[in-house]
Amino acid sequence: MAPVRLVIFDATQRGRWLLPSLSFIWAVGARLYRRLGWFDHFKSASTWDEALRWAAEIAPGAPLAEIQIWAHGKWGSARMAREELNVASLQEGHPHHEQLLRVRARLLPDGQSLWWFRTCETLGAEPGQRFAAALAQFLNCRVAGHTYRIGFFQS
């Protein structure tokens, strides 16, 4: 089965007054990018458990070539609502650990898959570099992401 590319975005980012929410913008972007063939499946998630469980279960039998995360971040973490995915998430006994193991089992061999944080600052500063290295080692994949605040006009 051909490898698949995924996008997961935070469904909890509500807009204020007449301004569109980030969740709405991410949903529009996900639909557009999927139609353009830039990835295969997308999911709006309200928790990391929901996001990781979906990534572990979507398209059974197909390896995962890429996972993009569209959400908020800060040095060393990516946030789904107020919940963080960070270096602690990789530790046995952490609530995210089991789902991360399930995702890891679906990644391409030899570190060929990409985990891409399309989030502000997640891989910035020393905490972000530590998180990137730990996640890459834990998942045995490439890890990419922003080190700065990306703002509205990121592609």
Foldseek 3Di string as FASTA:
>chain_A
DEAFAEEEEACPFCDPDPDHGPNVVVVVVVVVCVVVVVGPYYYHDQALVVVLQCLLPPPPPHAHQEYEYHAAAAAAWGDRNNDTDGLVLCDPPRPNNVSLVSNLVRHDPQQRHEYEYAYAQHLADPNNVVRQVSSCVSSVHHYYYYRHHPPDPDD
